[in-house]
Protein backbone atom coordinates (compact mmCIF):
# COMPACT_ATOMS: atom_id res chain seq x y z
CA MET A 1 111.97 111.31 35.19
CA ILE A 2 111.63 114.96 36.22
CA ARG A 3 108.14 115.04 34.71
CA LYS A 4 107.12 111.99 36.78
CA LEU A 5 108.49 113.57 39.94
CA LEU A 6 106.57 116.76 39.25
CA ILE A 7 103.37 114.76 38.77
CA VAL A 8 103.92 112.92 42.06
CA PHE A 9 104.72 116.20 43.82
CA ALA A 10 101.60 117.89 42.46
CA SER A 11 99.44 114.90 43.38
CA GLY A 12 100.78 115.01 46.92
CA ILE A 13 99.88 118.66 47.25
CA VAL A 14 96.35 118.04 45.99
CA LEU A 15 95.83 115.09 48.33
CA GLY A 16 97.16 117.14 51.23
CA ILE A 17 94.73 119.96 50.50
CA VAL A 18 91.85 117.49 50.21
CA ALA A 19 92.80 115.83 53.51
CA LEU A 20 92.93 119.17 55.31
CA ALA A 21 89.62 120.17 53.78
CA LEU A 22 87.99 116.93 54.89
CA ALA A 23 89.33 117.35 58.41
CA TRP A 24 87.97 120.90 58.47
CA ILE A 25 84.59 119.69 57.21
CA ALA A 26 84.41 116.71 59.55
CA GLY A 27 84.92 118.78 62.66
CA GLY A 28 81.58 120.54 62.39
CA GLU A 29 80.71 124.21 62.65
CA GLU A 30 81.15 124.27 66.43
CA LEU A 31 84.74 123.07 66.11
CA ARG A 32 85.50 125.46 63.26
CA ALA A 33 84.10 128.37 65.24
CA SER A 34 86.16 127.45 68.30
CA ILE A 35 89.33 127.38 66.18
CA ARG A 36 88.51 130.75 64.64
CA ASP A 37 87.95 132.18 68.11
CA GLY A 38 91.15 130.69 69.46
CA GLU A 39 89.38 128.28 71.79
CA GLY A 40 90.95 124.85 71.50
CA VAL A 41 88.63 121.85 71.84
CA ASN A 42 90.06 118.34 71.94
CA TRP A 43 87.69 115.48 71.13
CA ASN A 44 88.99 111.93 71.02
CA ILE A 45 86.41 109.18 70.49
CA GLY A 46 86.94 105.45 70.59
CA GLU A 47 89.50 105.08 73.39
CA GLU A 48 88.67 102.91 76.39
CA TYR A 49 87.54 104.92 79.39
CA ASP A 50 88.01 103.57 82.90
CA GLY A 51 87.46 106.73 84.93
CA PRO A 52 84.45 107.86 86.97
CA VAL A 53 81.14 107.81 85.09
CA SER A 54 78.11 109.98 85.70
CA GLN A 55 74.55 110.22 84.38
CA ARG A 56 72.10 113.07 83.94
CA SER A 57 68.50 113.30 82.77
CA PHE A 58 67.10 116.14 80.69
CA ALA A 59 63.53 117.09 79.80
CA TYR A 60 62.98 116.42 76.10
CA ASP A 61 59.72 115.24 74.54
CA GLY A 62 60.85 115.13 70.91
CA SER A 63 58.53 117.89 69.71
CA ARG A 64 61.38 120.24 68.81
CA THR A 65 64.68 119.87 67.00
CA LEU A 66 67.50 118.49 69.13
CA VAL A 67 70.85 120.23 68.63
CA LEU A 68 73.95 118.29 69.65
CA SER A 69 77.24 120.17 69.91
CA VAL A 70 79.06 117.36 71.72
CA PRO A 71 80.43 114.09 70.28
CA ALA A 72 78.03 111.31 71.18
CA GLU A 73 76.45 107.97 70.46
CA LEU A 74 72.72 108.64 70.29
CA ARG A 75 70.00 105.98 70.42
CA PHE A 76 66.39 107.05 69.86
CA THR A 77 63.45 104.69 70.31
CA ARG A 78 59.82 105.61 69.75
CA GLY A 79 57.71 105.16 72.87
CA GLU A 80 54.93 106.72 74.93
CA GLU A 81 57.22 107.78 77.76
CA THR A 82 59.61 110.70 77.39
CA LYS A 83 63.16 110.61 78.66
CA MET A 84 66.64 111.70 77.66
CA ILE A 85 69.54 110.24 79.61
CA VAL A 86 73.16 111.22 79.04
CA GLU A 87 75.96 109.06 80.40
CA GLY A 88 79.71 109.41 80.15
CA PRO A 89 82.84 110.68 81.87
CA LYS A 90 81.79 112.44 85.06
CA GLU A 91 83.69 115.64 84.31
CA ALA A 92 82.06 115.94 80.89
CA VAL A 93 78.54 115.11 82.05
CA GLU A 94 78.72 117.68 84.84
CA ALA A 95 79.88 120.31 82.33
CA LEU A 96 76.90 119.86 79.99
CA ASP A 97 74.65 122.80 79.24
CA TRP A 98 71.04 122.20 78.14
CA THR A 99 69.42 125.35 76.79
CA ASP A 100 66.54 125.70 74.32
CA GLY A 101 66.93 122.19 72.95
CA LYS A 102 70.71 122.43 72.53
CA LEU A 103 73.16 120.18 74.36
CA SER A 104 76.67 121.61 74.58
CA LEU A 105 79.64 121.94 76.89
CA THR A 106 80.16 124.87 79.22
CA GLU A 107 83.24 127.05 78.91
CA SER A 108 84.88 125.11 81.76
CA MET A 109 85.13 121.94 79.66
CA LYS A 110 87.37 122.23 76.61
CA ASN A 111 89.06 118.83 76.56
CA LEU A 112 86.60 115.97 76.00
CA ARG A 113 88.55 112.78 75.37
CA HIS A 114 85.57 110.43 75.23
CA GLY A 115 82.16 110.78 73.66
CA LEU A 116 78.87 110.59 75.52
CA ASP A 117 76.08 108.01 75.36
CA ILE A 118 72.61 109.49 74.88
CA THR A 119 69.41 107.48 75.15
CA ILE A 120 66.11 109.06 74.13
CA VAL A 121 62.61 107.63 74.31
CA ALA A 122 59.76 109.79 73.01
CA PRO A 123 56.72 109.60 70.71
CA GLN A 124 58.72 111.38 67.99
CA ILE A 125 61.89 113.30 67.27
CA ALA A 126 61.13 116.38 65.19
CA GLY A 127 64.67 116.88 63.99
CA LEU A 128 68.39 116.64 64.63
CA GLU A 129 71.17 119.18 64.15
CA LEU A 130 74.50 117.45 64.64
CA ASP A 131 77.35 119.93 65.06
CA ALA A 132 79.90 117.38 66.29
CA PRO A 133 81.03 113.85 65.42
CA GLY A 134 78.38 111.28 66.21
CA ASP A 135 76.97 107.79 65.81
CA VAL A 136 73.17 107.94 65.67
CA GLU A 137 70.44 105.31 65.54
CA LEU A 138 66.77 106.25 65.07
CA ALA A 139 64.50 103.25 65.60
CA ASP A 140 60.90 102.70 64.48
CA LEU A 141 59.89 106.28 63.68
CA ASP A 142 56.27 106.98 62.78
CA GLN A 143 55.68 110.71 62.39
CA PRO A 144 54.64 113.44 59.90
CA ALA A 145 58.11 114.87 59.25
CA LEU A 146 61.80 114.54 60.06
CA SER A 147 64.67 116.99 59.55
CA ILE A 148 68.34 116.01 59.81
CA VAL A 149 71.24 118.44 59.44
CA SER A 150 74.73 116.99 59.86
CA ARG A 151 77.74 119.30 60.17
CA GLY A 152 80.29 116.91 61.64
CA ALA A 153 81.60 113.43 60.93
CA VAL A 154 78.34 111.57 61.45
CA GLU A 155 77.12 108.04 60.87
CA LEU A 156 73.33 107.76 61.13
CA ASP A 157 70.90 104.87 60.60
CA GLY A 158 67.13 105.09 60.79
CA THR A 159 64.06 102.88 60.45
CA GLY A 160 60.31 103.48 60.36
CA LYS A 161 58.23 105.89 58.29
CA VAL A 162 57.83 109.66 57.95
CA GLY A 163 55.67 111.89 55.79
CA LYS A 164 58.23 114.49 54.74
CA LEU A 165 61.99 114.09 54.98
CA TYR A 166 64.73 116.72 54.90
CA VAL A 167 68.39 115.69 55.05
CA ARG A 168 71.45 117.89 54.63
CA THR A 169 75.10 117.03 55.23
CA GLU A 170 77.66 119.81 55.49
CA GLY A 171 80.40 117.70 57.01
CA ALA A 172 81.43 114.12 56.32
CA GLY A 173 78.17 112.25 56.72
CA ASP A 174 76.96 108.70 56.13
CA ILE A 175 73.18 108.84 56.44
CA ASP A 176 71.39 105.52 55.88
CA LEU A 177 67.60 105.86 55.79
CA ALA A 178 66.99 103.06 53.30
CA ASP A 179 64.73 101.35 55.87
CA MET A 180 62.75 104.50 56.61
CA ARG A 181 59.83 104.95 54.23
CA ALA A 182 59.08 108.55 53.32
CA GLY A 183 56.72 110.53 51.14
CA ASP A 184 58.40 113.67 49.81
CA ALA A 185 62.10 114.21 50.45
CA THR A 186 64.65 116.99 50.09
CA VAL A 187 68.26 115.83 50.19
CA ARG A 188 71.39 117.98 50.12
CA ILE A 189 75.08 117.06 50.17
CA ASP A 190 77.13 120.23 50.69
CA GLY A 191 80.17 118.51 52.15
CA VAL A 192 81.32 114.94 51.66
CA GLY A 193 78.94 112.06 52.24
CA ASP A 194 76.51 109.35 51.25
CA ILE A 195 72.77 109.47 51.81
CA ASP A 196 70.34 106.56 51.34
CA ILE A 197 66.59 107.26 51.30
CA ALA A 198 63.38 105.43 50.42
CA ALA A 199 61.00 108.22 49.38
CA SER A 200 58.11 107.53 47.00
CA GLY A 201 56.81 111.06 46.50
CA ILE A 202 58.57 114.17 45.20
CA VAL A 203 62.33 113.93 45.66
CA ASP A 204 64.63 116.95 45.33
CA ALA A 205 68.26 115.79 45.42
CA SER A 206 71.31 118.04 45.20
CA ILE A 207 75.05 117.40 45.45
CA SER A 208 77.33 120.43 45.77
CA GLY A 209 80.24 118.61 47.39
CA ALA A 210 81.25 115.02 46.82
CA GLY A 211 79.21 111.91 47.46
CA SER A 212 76.23 109.85 46.43
CA ILE A 213 72.49 109.83 46.99
CA SER A 214 70.91 106.39 46.71
CA LEU A 215 67.18 106.03 46.09
CA HIS A 216 65.70 102.81 47.50
CA ALA A 217 62.14 103.54 46.36
CA ARG A 218 60.87 104.81 43.02
CA PRO A 219 59.97 108.49 43.42
CA LYS A 220 56.87 109.91 41.81
CA THR A 221 58.92 112.91 40.68
CA LEU A 222 62.69 113.35 40.79
CA LYS A 223 64.66 116.57 40.50
CA SER A 224 68.41 116.12 40.75
CA THR A 225 71.24 118.66 40.59
CA ILE A 226 74.94 117.81 40.70
CA ASN A 227 77.41 120.69 40.95
CA GLY A 228 80.17 118.73 42.61
CA ILE A 229 81.39 115.16 42.26
CA GLY A 230 78.76 112.52 42.81
CA THR A 231 75.86 110.42 41.61
CA VAL A 232 72.17 109.89 42.23
CA ASP A 233 71.71 106.12 42.13
CA HIS A 234 68.47 104.20 41.59
CA ASP A 235 68.72 101.16 43.86
CA TYR A 236 65.10 100.04 43.92
């Protein structure tokens, strides 16, 4: 009986540590830095919002990497025009800072209870760095390369085709690019996550955390490294 209780106790400790680690990972580097610096940031996504709403436009043509340090639902559509519109709670929208391709909150805004809605139309989107929780949809891409780095709790879906693909998750990411054809691809899971790709060239896949990489096209050459807990699955 005592032995069983000790096993249950030990299991509880392990699960608690894992849960805390996942929460730490999911928050993203921006959140971790704010905690280290003693700056509390409160992000609650998913609650109904019935307060005043505002909208702002920013100049972004997709030729450089977009860095998001705010929780958001992002929708990108390929098109000839270029626009980036952010909509959400008035207080949050007015506190946005747009500098050198990075969208973040000013020091005056430290309590964001609801995420933002971001709509982008451009000929391409060179890359994404997601430092906060997000829900992302990339539609109908047709470009030479795409880079995605996810450091928060991110769900991302993409369609279209790219020449070279680079994907790295450092948080808790679910990246589904099964409907995005690619040539060569480099894929890294350094946190916890699942990545689906359809690359037919040289694929370099590495898992140092926990998760799975699913291949939806037969690669010409595959190099895979697993140092954590995970699998590289052939789903073609």
